[in-house]
Amino acid sequence: MTRGVISAPQPEAVEAGALALKRGGNAVDAAITCALVQGVVDPLMCSIAGVGTLQVYLPDKGVHECLNFTGKAPAAARPDMWEDLIEGETTDGFGFRLRGRVNEMGYQSVAVPGSLKAYFEAGTRYGIMEWSDIVQPAIDHAEQGWTIRPHVYKYIAMQEGGFGRVDNLTKIRAFESSRALLLADDGTPQGPGTKIVNRNYAQTLRTIAADGADAFYSGPIAEEIAAEMARHGGLITLEDLKAVAPARTEPLWGTYRGQKLSTNPPPGAGMVLLEMLNILEHFDLRSMGHNAPDYIRVIAEAIKYGIIDKAAHMGDPAFVDIPIERLIGKDHAAPLAAKIEAGEKAHVERMPLSKESKDTTQVSVLDEHGNAITMTHTLGMPSGVVSENLGFMYNGSMGIFDPRPGRAGSIAPLKGYTSSMTPTIVFKDDTPHIVIGAPGATHITLGIMQVLLNILEFGMPISDAIAAPRFSVTSNAIDVSNRIPRYLTDKIASHGYEIRRSSESYGFAGVHGVMNTDGVLSGAADPGRDGMALVV
């Protein structure tokens, strides 16, 4: 009997989630079990001190909602606190470079974390397993040790200084607790296959297993976090932690060629996905051919219009009035499609600089009862700080805010940052057909969109749809996977487009998804990451 299917970038976490399904848990139990293990075995990607967003669909309980737990700025944050430190904007819009890098690393870079509160609320409200059983696999991995995988090593060792962003190795070397956990005695990264034991994190998780999320947000762990922040000039206080409450909202709905899909509302980027798909409905993409020159050009221009509207309008809806219905309306898309058809090129404004952080992860689950959950959770970009006594790495999500006052994404006390996370469900006959999401910062939405097109336009199975080469647009240039032939991109370049070829065969978000095709469950993990999918 098939219990369900789960996909994520970490094999250990997928196995833990699959075992939850095998033991009688539902999709939510599996996803939260997986997420907690992810925080142990992928410490630069996520932790209980991270942020994120999820979409859950439980038809038997009449539940279909999104839970937003993107980090909020501490109450002590101010719109102009970094205004005089600005050196430039990343070329893809994922943050700014400041003098002293205070927004990228260290204690001031930490936004108020929402991940654990969301895990606990989802697990205890919609799961059927005991909370302590959900947490136990993460405790076991922290206590008994986990093995560094190639992708974890890559993100520890990657040198990104040439792009203007502080690389993760520099961040880790700046903090004693981080060095002790992740580096060898000579300061070099622990290599693939190295076993990492994290007893501090195991003890933190034991407390959480026994006392729930309150231990982290108002109990002894919260007090330790607040004291550590105070010692090192961080902005987060005990009062900030006590105030954490993930926002429960209805999903946004749209259609693509008559097929319904639900996605997350702002400050997540589901609105942008729906706008881009509405534009693309005006084109016969299938007849163009997959990744053919005109196909790439049309999609690139649709992405650019999504980027422009996101920059102009999207922010924390508690602080910014966002014209959501207009932007996801079919009428808004029609004139933009006409401009693309006429050969016009949209222009994306960027201050000069670098590229993104991809320190995010994903879990997608479908179970035998038709329950579905897709969750993207992250450190935003890692702060580099492993808590001195608690064992987890803090998020660095303050770096995603716009340090320029008066903009939709500007800093404000208790304001949430704008996210590219886009956990999405496509329905077929009112049943979840595709459950999908991705890490990858500003590449997330466009990566998910391309995989959906691969399935809905070209009929690819999910494994082929995720493995197919992708391209990205985060400015006026088109970035392409090295598996897209030059004889195709040369034709695009001949129309005046700048083509930037990646050295990597896989890239532009790490899409992970699962499918229900007439009752047959399947799943796939992005081959550019270390993960897998399991049907159990």
Protein backbone atom coordinates (compact mmCIF):
# COMPACT_ATOMS: atom_id res chain seq x y z
CA MET A 1 0.00 0.00 0.00
CA THR A 2 1.40 3.38 -1.01
CA ARG A 3 1.58 5.80 1.92
CA GLY A 4 2.84 8.83 0.01
CA VAL A 5 5.75 10.54 -1.70
CA ILE A 6 8.27 13.08 -0.42
CA SER A 7 11.05 15.06 -2.08
CA ALA A 8 13.74 17.31 -0.57
CA PRO A 9 17.41 18.22 -1.16
CA GLN A 10 18.78 16.08 1.74
CA PRO A 11 18.60 12.25 1.65
CA GLU A 12 18.67 11.93 5.46
CA ALA A 13 15.74 14.32 5.78
CA VAL A 14 13.75 12.62 3.02
CA GLU A 15 14.26 9.26 4.72
CA ALA A 16 13.08 10.65 8.05
CA GLY A 17 9.96 12.08 6.41
CA ALA A 18 9.32 8.84 4.53
CA LEU A 19 9.55 6.88 7.79
CA ALA A 20 6.97 9.21 9.31
CA LEU A 21 4.61 8.27 6.46
CA LYS A 22 5.38 4.56 6.90
CA ARG A 23 4.58 4.82 10.62
CA GLY A 24 1.13 6.22 9.88
CA GLY A 25 1.84 9.95 9.87
CA ASN A 26 0.27 12.25 7.32
CA ALA A 27 1.88 14.66 4.84
CA VAL A 28 2.29 17.36 7.48
CA ASP A 29 3.99 15.00 9.93
CA ALA A 30 6.39 13.94 7.17
CA ALA A 31 7.16 17.51 6.09
CA ILE A 32 7.87 18.82 9.59
CA THR A 33 9.96 15.77 10.49
CA CYS A 34 11.91 16.33 7.28
CA ALA A 35 12.33 20.06 7.95
CA LEU A 36 13.74 19.54 11.44
CA VAL A 37 16.29 17.04 10.14
CA GLN A 38 17.17 19.44 7.32
CA GLY A 39 18.16 21.99 9.95
CA VAL A 40 20.67 19.55 11.41
CA VAL A 41 22.22 18.09 8.24
CA ASP A 42 22.18 21.26 6.10
CA PRO A 43 23.14 23.98 8.60
CA LEU A 44 23.85 26.71 6.04
CA MET A 45 20.45 26.25 4.41
CA CYS A 46 18.00 26.25 7.31
CA SER A 47 17.48 25.86 11.03
CA ILE A 48 14.90 26.39 13.76
CA ALA A 49 16.19 30.00 13.77
CA GLY A 50 15.24 30.44 10.12
CA VAL A 51 12.27 31.77 8.16
CA GLY A 52 10.00 30.55 5.38
CA THR A 53 6.54 29.90 4.01
CA LEU A 54 4.34 26.87 3.44
CA GLN A 55 1.08 25.86 1.78
CA VAL A 56 -0.97 23.00 3.22
CA TYR A 57 -4.02 21.25 1.72
CA LEU A 58 -5.98 18.76 3.83
CA PRO A 59 -9.27 17.96 2.05
CA ASP A 60 -10.76 15.75 4.77
CA LYS A 61 -10.32 18.57 7.32
CA GLY A 62 -11.45 21.31 4.96
CA VAL A 63 -8.08 23.03 5.32
CA HIS A 64 -6.28 24.93 2.58
CA GLU A 65 -4.07 27.73 3.81
CA CYS A 66 -0.68 29.35 3.63
CA LEU A 67 1.49 29.98 6.65
CA ASN A 68 3.92 32.86 6.27
CA PHE A 69 6.87 32.86 8.65
CA THR A 70 9.33 35.05 6.77
CA GLY A 71 11.42 36.91 9.32
CA LYS A 72 10.47 40.27 10.68
CA ALA A 73 12.81 43.10 11.51
CA PRO A 74 13.35 43.50 15.27
CA ALA A 75 11.49 46.30 17.03
CA ALA A 76 14.80 48.18 17.38
CA ALA A 77 15.33 48.31 13.60
CA ARG A 78 14.98 51.67 11.83
CA PRO A 79 14.40 52.55 8.13
CA ASP A 80 17.55 54.66 7.86
CA MET A 81 19.89 52.66 10.09
CA TRP A 82 22.06 51.49 7.19
CA GLU A 83 21.30 54.18 4.61
CA ASP A 84 24.77 55.73 4.73
CA LEU A 85 26.50 52.35 4.29
CA ILE A 86 25.13 51.41 0.84
CA GLU A 87 27.70 50.39 -1.78
CA GLY A 88 25.37 48.78 -4.33
CA GLU A 89 22.60 46.32 -5.12
CA THR A 90 23.06 42.73 -6.27
CA THR A 91 22.32 42.35 -9.97
CA ASP A 92 19.43 39.98 -9.23
CA GLY A 93 17.94 42.20 -6.53
CA PHE A 94 18.62 39.79 -3.67
CA GLY A 95 19.97 42.27 -1.17
CA PHE A 96 22.48 45.10 -0.96
CA ARG A 97 26.17 45.38 -0.24
CA LEU A 98 26.94 47.61 2.73
CA ARG A 99 30.20 48.83 4.20
CA GLY A 100 31.14 46.58 7.09
CA ARG A 101 28.74 43.89 5.78
CA VAL A 102 26.57 44.34 8.87
CA ASN A 103 23.46 43.25 6.91
CA GLU A 104 25.10 40.03 5.66
CA MET A 105 26.92 38.55 8.65
CA GLY A 106 26.94 38.72 12.40
CA TYR A 107 24.26 39.39 14.97
CA GLN A 108 22.73 42.53 13.42
CA SER A 109 21.96 40.55 10.26
CA VAL A 110 19.55 38.26 12.15
CA ALA A 111 15.82 38.80 11.61
CA VAL A 112 13.35 37.52 14.19
CA PRO A 113 13.09 33.79 13.36
CA GLY A 114 9.73 32.20 12.60
CA SER A 115 10.57 28.67 11.47
CA LEU A 116 10.14 26.73 14.68
CA LYS A 117 6.85 28.43 15.52
CA ALA A 118 5.51 27.48 12.08
CA TYR A 119 6.77 23.89 12.37
CA PHE A 120 5.09 23.55 15.77
CA GLU A 121 1.80 25.13 14.70
CA ALA A 122 1.58 23.02 11.54
CA GLY A 123 2.65 19.82 13.26
CA THR A 124 0.35 20.11 16.27
CA ARG A 125 -2.64 21.57 14.41
CA TYR A 126 -2.61 19.40 11.29
CA GLY A 127 -0.33 16.46 11.99
CA ILE A 128 -1.45 13.26 13.72
CA MET A 129 1.85 12.20 15.30
CA GLU A 130 3.04 13.23 18.74
CA TRP A 131 5.25 16.34 18.63
CA SER A 132 8.08 14.57 20.44
CA ASP A 133 8.07 11.84 17.78
CA ILE A 134 8.28 14.46 15.03
CA VAL A 135 11.37 16.02 16.65
CA GLN A 136 13.16 12.77 17.59
CA PRO A 137 14.84 12.05 14.20
CA ALA A 138 16.48 15.49 14.27
CA ILE A 139 17.74 14.83 17.81
CA ASP A 140 19.19 11.51 16.65
CA HIS A 141 21.04 13.09 13.73
CA ALA A 142 22.49 15.84 15.91
CA GLU A 143 23.51 13.47 18.71
CA GLN A 144 24.80 10.55 16.65
CA GLY A 145 26.31 12.66 13.88
CA TRP A 146 25.66 13.35 10.23
CA THR A 147 27.95 13.22 7.22
CA ILE A 148 28.91 16.23 5.13
CA ARG A 149 27.56 15.79 1.60
CA PRO A 150 29.08 17.36 -1.54
CA HIS A 151 26.52 20.16 -1.69
CA VAL A 152 27.02 21.08 1.98
CA TYR A 153 30.78 21.19 1.40
CA LYS A 154 30.28 23.32 -1.69
CA TYR A 155 28.35 25.95 0.23
CA ILE A 156 30.84 26.03 3.06
CA ALA A 157 33.84 26.31 0.74
CA MET A 158 32.41 28.40 -2.10
CA GLN A 159 34.29 31.64 -2.73
CA GLU A 160 31.92 34.40 -3.86
CA GLY A 161 33.95 37.47 -3.03
CA GLY A 162 34.38 38.34 -6.70
CA PHE A 163 30.64 38.86 -6.92
CA GLY A 164 30.60 41.38 -4.09
CA ARG A 165 28.93 39.19 -1.49
CA VAL A 166 30.60 37.83 1.62
CA ASP A 167 31.22 34.16 1.05
CA ASN A 168 30.09 31.59 3.58
CA LEU A 169 33.61 30.50 4.51
CA THR A 170 34.52 34.05 5.56
CA LYS A 171 31.38 34.22 7.68
CA ILE A 172 32.07 30.89 9.37
CA ARG A 173 35.69 31.81 10.12
CA ALA A 174 34.54 34.98 11.87
CA PHE A 175 32.81 33.13 14.73
CA GLU A 176 34.39 30.63 17.11
CA SER A 177 31.29 28.45 17.53
CA SER A 178 30.84 28.23 13.75
CA ARG A 179 34.49 27.34 13.19
CA ALA A 180 34.30 24.62 15.84
CA LEU A 181 31.32 22.96 14.20
CA LEU A 182 32.14 23.20 10.49
CA LEU A 183 35.90 23.70 10.02
CA ALA A 184 38.97 21.56 10.59
CA ASP A 185 41.62 22.66 13.09
CA ASP A 186 43.56 24.47 10.32
CA GLY A 187 40.51 26.56 9.35
CA THR A 188 39.70 24.66 6.15
CA PRO A 189 36.21 23.26 5.51
CA GLN A 190 35.51 19.74 6.67
CA GLY A 191 35.41 17.62 3.51
CA PRO A 192 32.66 15.37 2.14
CA GLY A 193 32.27 12.26 4.26
CA THR A 194 33.30 13.97 7.50
CA LYS A 195 31.05 13.13 10.43
CA ILE A 196 29.68 16.12 12.37
CA VAL A 197 28.28 15.71 15.87
CA ASN A 198 26.31 18.64 17.29
CA ARG A 199 25.42 17.87 20.92
CA ASN A 200 24.43 21.46 21.69
CA TYR A 201 21.77 21.31 18.99
CA ALA A 202 20.65 17.87 20.23
CA GLN A 203 20.07 19.29 23.70
CA THR A 204 18.20 22.29 22.28
CA LEU A 205 15.97 19.94 20.30
CA ARG A 206 15.33 17.78 23.36
CA THR A 207 14.03 20.83 25.20
CA ILE A 208 11.81 21.71 22.24
CA ALA A 209 10.54 18.13 21.98
CA ALA A 210 9.50 18.23 25.64
CA ASP A 211 8.24 21.80 25.95
CA GLY A 212 7.21 22.76 22.42
CA ALA A 213 7.89 26.03 20.62
CA ASP A 214 7.30 28.07 23.78
CA ALA A 215 10.76 27.02 25.01
CA PHE A 216 12.27 28.82 22.01
CA TYR A 217 10.06 31.91 22.02
CA SER A 218 9.44 32.64 25.69
CA GLY A 219 11.25 30.01 27.76
CA PRO A 220 14.88 29.20 28.54
CA ILE A 221 16.04 29.04 24.92
CA ALA A 222 14.49 32.46 24.25
CA GLU A 223 16.30 33.89 27.26
CA GLU A 224 19.61 32.47 26.02
CA ILE A 225 19.03 33.89 22.51
CA ALA A 226 18.22 37.35 23.90
CA ALA A 227 21.26 37.31 26.17
CA GLU A 228 23.54 36.24 23.30
CA MET A 229 22.15 39.00 21.08
CA ALA A 230 22.74 41.58 23.82
CA ARG A 231 26.34 40.42 24.31
CA HIS A 232 27.15 40.87 20.63
CA GLY A 233 25.19 43.98 19.62
CA GLY A 234 22.30 42.14 17.98
CA LEU A 235 18.88 43.77 17.69
CA ILE A 236 16.59 40.91 18.75
CA THR A 237 15.12 41.04 22.26
CA LEU A 238 13.07 38.64 24.35
CA GLU A 239 10.01 40.75 23.56
CA ASP A 240 10.63 40.26 19.81
CA LEU A 241 10.67 36.50 20.27
CA LYS A 242 7.53 36.45 22.39
CA ALA A 243 5.66 38.38 19.68
CA VAL A 244 6.33 35.86 16.87
CA ALA A 245 3.10 34.64 15.23
CA PRO A 246 3.13 33.16 11.71
CA ALA A 247 0.45 34.68 9.49
CA ARG A 248 -2.28 32.28 8.33
CA THR A 249 -3.83 33.31 5.01
CA GLU A 250 -5.79 31.85 2.13
CA PRO A 251 -3.72 30.98 -0.94
CA LEU A 252 -3.80 32.99 -4.14
CA TRP A 253 -5.56 31.25 -7.01
CA GLY A 254 -4.91 31.38 -10.72
CA THR A 255 -5.33 29.31 -13.84
CA TYR A 256 -3.04 28.27 -16.66
CA ARG A 257 -4.81 27.05 -19.78
CA GLY A 258 -7.80 26.17 -17.62
CA GLN A 259 -5.85 24.26 -14.95
CA LYS A 260 -6.17 25.68 -11.44
CA LEU A 261 -3.18 26.42 -9.24
CA SER A 262 -2.80 27.82 -5.74
CA THR A 263 0.24 29.62 -4.42
CA ASN A 264 1.34 31.91 -1.62
CA PRO A 265 0.34 35.58 -1.26
CA PRO A 266 2.76 38.44 -0.54
CA PRO A 267 5.26 38.87 0.95
CA GLY A 268 5.90 35.60 -0.91
CA ALA A 269 6.19 35.58 -4.70
CA GLY A 270 3.17 33.55 -5.78
CA MET A 271 1.69 36.75 -7.20
CA VAL A 272 4.67 37.01 -9.56
CA LEU A 273 4.30 33.40 -10.71
CA LEU A 274 0.64 33.94 -11.59
CA GLU A 275 1.40 37.15 -13.48
CA MET A 276 4.09 35.47 -15.57
CA LEU A 277 1.88 32.48 -16.39
CA ASN A 278 -0.95 34.83 -17.40
CA ILE A 279 1.38 36.53 -19.87
CA LEU A 280 2.61 33.23 -21.29
CA GLU A 281 -0.94 31.97 -21.93
CA HIS A 282 -0.97 34.33 -24.93
CA PHE A 283 1.77 32.35 -26.71
CA ASP A 284 1.84 28.93 -28.36
CA LEU A 285 4.88 27.79 -26.41
CA ARG A 286 4.57 24.17 -27.45
CA SER A 287 4.90 24.97 -31.14
CA MET A 288 7.99 27.12 -30.45
CA GLY A 289 9.82 24.09 -29.06
CA HIS A 290 11.32 23.57 -25.62
CA ASN A 291 14.21 25.99 -24.97
CA ALA A 292 14.18 27.14 -28.60
CA PRO A 293 15.39 30.74 -29.14
CA ASP A 294 11.94 32.32 -29.39
CA TYR A 295 10.72 30.26 -26.42
CA ILE A 296 13.56 31.57 -24.27
CA ARG A 297 13.03 35.13 -25.48
CA VAL A 298 9.29 35.14 -24.73
CA ILE A 299 9.70 33.62 -21.29
CA ALA A 300 12.59 35.97 -20.48
CA GLU A 301 10.43 38.99 -21.26
CA ALA A 302 7.54 37.63 -19.18
CA ILE A 303 9.93 37.14 -16.27
CA LYS A 304 11.19 40.71 -16.62
CA TYR A 305 7.68 42.13 -16.33
CA GLY A 306 7.18 40.04 -13.19
CA ILE A 307 10.44 41.39 -11.75
CA ILE A 308 9.46 44.99 -12.53
CA ASP A 309 6.06 44.69 -10.85
CA LYS A 310 7.55 42.89 -7.86
CA ALA A 311 10.10 45.67 -7.32
CA ALA A 312 7.47 48.37 -7.69
CA HIS A 313 4.70 46.93 -5.56
CA MET A 314 5.65 44.02 -3.32
CA GLY A 315 6.40 44.27 0.37
CA ASP A 316 4.94 43.21 3.68
CA PRO A 317 1.17 43.64 3.15
CA ALA A 318 0.84 44.91 6.71
CA PHE A 319 2.95 47.91 5.65
CA VAL A 320 2.40 48.21 1.88
CA ASP A 321 -0.81 48.42 -0.16
CA ILE A 322 -0.29 45.83 -2.92
CA PRO A 323 -2.67 45.77 -5.94
CA ILE A 324 -2.73 41.97 -5.96
CA GLU A 325 -5.97 41.43 -7.87
CA ARG A 326 -4.88 43.79 -10.63
CA LEU A 327 -1.43 42.25 -10.98
CA ILE A 328 -2.70 38.66 -11.16
CA GLY A 329 -5.59 39.56 -13.45
CA LYS A 330 -5.77 38.39 -17.03
CA ASP A 331 -6.42 41.97 -18.18
CA HIS A 332 -3.08 43.11 -16.74
CA ALA A 333 -1.22 40.41 -18.68
CA ALA A 334 -2.73 41.02 -22.11
CA PRO A 335 -0.98 44.33 -23.00
CA LEU A 336 2.33 43.02 -21.65
CA ALA A 337 2.03 39.97 -23.90
CA ALA A 338 1.29 42.28 -26.84
CA LYS A 339 4.53 44.17 -26.19
CA ILE A 340 6.48 40.92 -26.18
CA GLU A 341 4.75 39.83 -29.40
CA ALA A 342 5.79 43.14 -30.97
CA GLY A 343 9.44 42.50 -30.05
CA GLU A 344 9.69 45.13 -27.32
CA LYS A 345 12.24 44.58 -24.56
CA ALA A 346 11.37 45.34 -20.96
CA HIS A 347 14.03 47.06 -18.86
CA VAL A 348 14.94 45.96 -15.33
CA GLU A 349 16.60 48.63 -13.20
CA ARG A 350 19.49 47.49 -11.00
CA MET A 351 22.25 49.20 -9.09
CA PRO A 352 25.53 47.52 -10.09
CA LEU A 353 26.92 44.59 -8.13
CA SER A 354 26.80 40.86 -7.53
CA LYS A 355 24.64 37.76 -7.23
CA GLU A 356 22.44 35.96 -4.80
CA SER A 357 22.64 33.57 -1.92
CA LYS A 358 20.89 30.25 -2.45
CA ASP A 359 20.87 29.22 1.19
CA THR A 360 17.33 27.91 1.23
CA THR A 361 15.72 24.46 1.17
CA GLN A 362 12.44 22.80 0.28
CA VAL A 363 10.19 19.85 1.10
CA SER A 364 7.20 18.64 -0.95
CA VAL A 365 4.87 15.86 0.23
CA LEU A 366 1.70 14.08 -0.95
CA ASP A 367 0.10 11.31 1.09
CA GLU A 368 -2.40 8.53 0.43
CA HIS A 369 -5.35 10.65 1.59
CA GLY A 370 -4.68 13.48 -0.85
CA ASN A 371 -3.10 15.71 1.78
CA ALA A 372 -0.38 17.95 0.36
CA ILE A 373 2.17 20.32 1.79
CA THR A 374 4.91 22.32 0.14
CA MET A 375 7.29 24.31 2.35
CA THR A 376 10.24 26.49 1.52
CA HIS A 377 12.36 27.41 4.54
CA THR A 378 15.65 29.17 4.77
CA LEU A 379 18.24 31.22 6.57
CA GLY A 380 17.63 33.89 3.92
CA MET A 381 21.37 33.98 3.72
CA PRO A 382 23.30 32.52 6.65
CA SER A 383 24.49 35.01 9.24
CA GLY A 384 27.54 32.83 9.78
CA VAL A 385 26.76 32.69 13.50
CA VAL A 386 26.19 29.31 15.15
CA SER A 387 24.67 30.06 18.52
CA GLU A 388 27.36 29.77 21.17
CA ASN A 389 25.43 27.35 23.39
CA LEU A 390 22.41 26.22 21.37
CA GLY A 391 24.03 24.69 18.28
CA PHE A 392 21.99 26.14 15.40
CA MET A 393 22.93 28.81 12.87
CA TYR A 394 20.97 32.05 12.90
CA ASN A 395 19.37 33.42 9.75
CA GLY A 396 20.85 36.49 8.04
CA SER A 397 17.57 37.73 6.62
CA MET A 398 18.03 41.40 7.54
CA GLY A 399 20.27 41.49 4.48
CA ILE A 400 17.24 41.02 2.22
CA PHE A 401 15.62 44.31 3.28
CA ASP A 402 16.15 47.42 1.16
CA PRO A 403 18.33 49.80 3.22
CA ARG A 404 16.93 52.77 1.30
CA PRO A 405 14.01 54.35 3.23
CA GLY A 406 10.66 54.95 1.58
CA ARG A 407 10.49 51.83 -0.61
CA ALA A 408 8.19 48.81 -0.56
CA GLY A 409 10.98 46.59 0.75
CA SER A 410 12.53 49.11 3.18
CA ILE A 411 13.37 48.28 6.79
CA ALA A 412 10.79 49.09 9.45
CA PRO A 413 10.27 47.82 13.00
CA LEU A 414 8.44 44.44 12.97
CA LYS A 415 8.14 44.49 9.17
CA GLY A 416 8.57 41.29 7.15
CA TYR A 417 10.90 41.16 4.18
CA THR A 418 9.90 40.45 0.59
CA SER A 419 10.53 36.84 -0.43
CA SER A 420 10.89 34.94 -3.70
CA MET A 421 9.64 31.72 -2.08
CA THR A 422 6.75 30.24 -4.09
CA PRO A 423 5.34 26.96 -2.72
CA THR A 424 2.68 25.98 -5.26
CA ILE A 425 0.05 23.29 -5.87
CA VAL A 426 -1.48 22.56 -9.28
CA PHE A 427 -4.89 20.89 -9.20
CA LYS A 428 -6.46 18.46 -11.66
CA ASP A 429 -10.18 17.78 -11.13
CA ASP A 430 -9.92 19.45 -7.72
CA THR A 431 -7.20 17.02 -6.60
CA PRO A 432 -3.54 17.96 -6.09
CA HIS A 433 -1.68 17.04 -9.27
CA ILE A 434 1.68 18.77 -8.77
CA VAL A 435 3.11 19.89 -5.41
CA ILE A 436 6.25 21.93 -5.97
CA GLY A 437 8.70 24.42 -4.52
CA ALA A 438 12.36 25.38 -4.63
CA PRO A 439 15.29 27.04 -2.94
CA GLY A 440 17.28 29.51 -5.01
CA ALA A 441 16.47 33.11 -3.94
CA THR A 442 15.40 35.24 -6.92
CA HIS A 443 15.62 32.21 -9.22
CA ILE A 444 12.88 30.38 -7.27
CA THR A 445 9.78 31.67 -9.03
CA LEU A 446 11.17 31.38 -12.54
CA GLY A 447 12.61 27.92 -11.83
CA ILE A 448 9.24 26.65 -10.63
CA MET A 449 7.52 28.25 -13.62
CA GLN A 450 9.81 26.51 -16.10
CA VAL A 451 9.25 23.12 -14.48
CA LEU A 452 5.48 23.67 -14.54
CA LEU A 453 5.67 24.55 -18.24
CA ASN A 454 7.72 21.43 -18.89
CA ILE A 455 4.89 19.35 -17.42
CA LEU A 456 1.82 21.29 -18.53
CA GLU A 457 3.00 22.27 -22.03
CA PHE A 458 5.32 19.41 -22.97
CA GLY A 459 3.93 16.52 -20.94
CA MET A 460 7.23 15.66 -19.29
CA PRO A 461 7.24 13.35 -16.26
CA ILE A 462 8.30 15.24 -13.16
CA SER A 463 11.82 13.79 -13.16
CA ASP A 464 12.47 15.00 -16.71
CA ALA A 465 10.74 18.32 -16.05
CA ILE A 466 13.02 19.08 -13.11
CA ALA A 467 16.20 17.80 -14.77
CA ALA A 468 15.69 19.76 -18.01
CA PRO A 469 18.13 22.68 -18.45
CA ARG A 470 16.84 26.03 -17.22
CA PHE A 471 17.64 29.67 -17.80
CA SER A 472 17.23 32.72 -15.62
CA VAL A 473 16.51 36.41 -15.91
CA THR A 474 17.18 38.64 -12.93
CA SER A 475 18.24 41.78 -14.82
CA ASN A 476 18.31 42.60 -18.54
CA ALA A 477 20.69 39.71 -19.25
CA ILE A 478 19.68 36.09 -19.78
CA ASP A 479 21.64 33.55 -17.74
CA VAL A 480 21.66 30.06 -19.22
CA SER A 481 22.61 26.61 -18.01
CA ASN A 482 25.69 25.22 -19.73
CA ARG A 483 23.52 22.43 -21.16
CA ILE A 484 21.63 24.87 -23.41
CA PRO A 485 23.56 24.74 -26.70
CA ARG A 486 25.43 27.77 -27.97
CA TYR A 487 23.85 27.43 -31.40
CA LEU A 488 20.56 28.33 -29.72
CA THR A 489 21.81 31.13 -27.50
CA ASP A 490 23.77 32.65 -30.39
CA LYS A 491 20.45 33.26 -32.15
CA ILE A 492 19.07 35.01 -29.07
CA ALA A 493 22.21 37.13 -28.80
CA SER A 494 21.80 38.17 -32.43
CA HIS A 495 18.61 40.01 -31.37
CA GLY A 496 20.58 42.19 -28.95
CA TYR A 497 20.29 40.14 -25.75
CA GLU A 498 23.21 39.71 -23.39
CA ILE A 499 23.73 36.00 -22.76
CA ARG A 500 25.63 34.92 -19.65
CA ARG A 501 26.56 31.24 -19.68
CA SER A 502 26.81 29.46 -16.34
CA SER A 503 29.70 27.11 -15.76
CA GLU A 504 27.27 24.70 -14.10
CA SER A 505 25.17 22.08 -15.85
CA TYR A 506 22.37 22.48 -13.31
CA GLY A 507 21.27 25.65 -11.63
CA PHE A 508 18.76 28.47 -11.31
CA ALA A 509 16.84 27.17 -8.29
CA GLY A 510 16.78 23.66 -6.87
CA VAL A 511 13.25 22.59 -7.77
CA HIS A 512 11.74 19.67 -5.82
CA GLY A 513 8.28 18.29 -6.45
CA VAL A 514 5.86 15.40 -6.27
CA MET A 515 2.97 14.39 -8.54
CA ASN A 516 -0.26 12.46 -8.50
CA THR A 517 -0.98 11.19 -12.02
CA ASP A 518 -4.30 9.34 -12.02
CA GLY A 519 -3.57 7.88 -8.60
CA VAL A 520 0.08 7.03 -9.27
CA LEU A 521 2.47 8.99 -7.05
CA SER A 522 5.90 10.09 -8.25
CA GLY A 523 8.50 12.65 -7.23
CA ALA A 524 11.84 14.10 -8.20
CA ALA A 525 14.72 15.98 -6.62
CA ASP A 526 16.79 18.54 -8.48
CA PRO A 527 19.97 16.81 -9.72
CA GLY A 528 21.92 19.96 -8.96
CA ARG A 529 21.45 19.26 -5.24
CA ASP A 530 22.12 16.21 -3.05
CA GLY A 531 18.53 15.12 -2.49
CA MET A 532 16.09 12.48 -3.57
CA ALA A 533 12.41 11.56 -3.73
CA LEU A 534 10.92 8.51 -2.03
CA VAL A 535 7.60 6.79 -2.66
CA VAL A 536 6.66 4.67 0.36
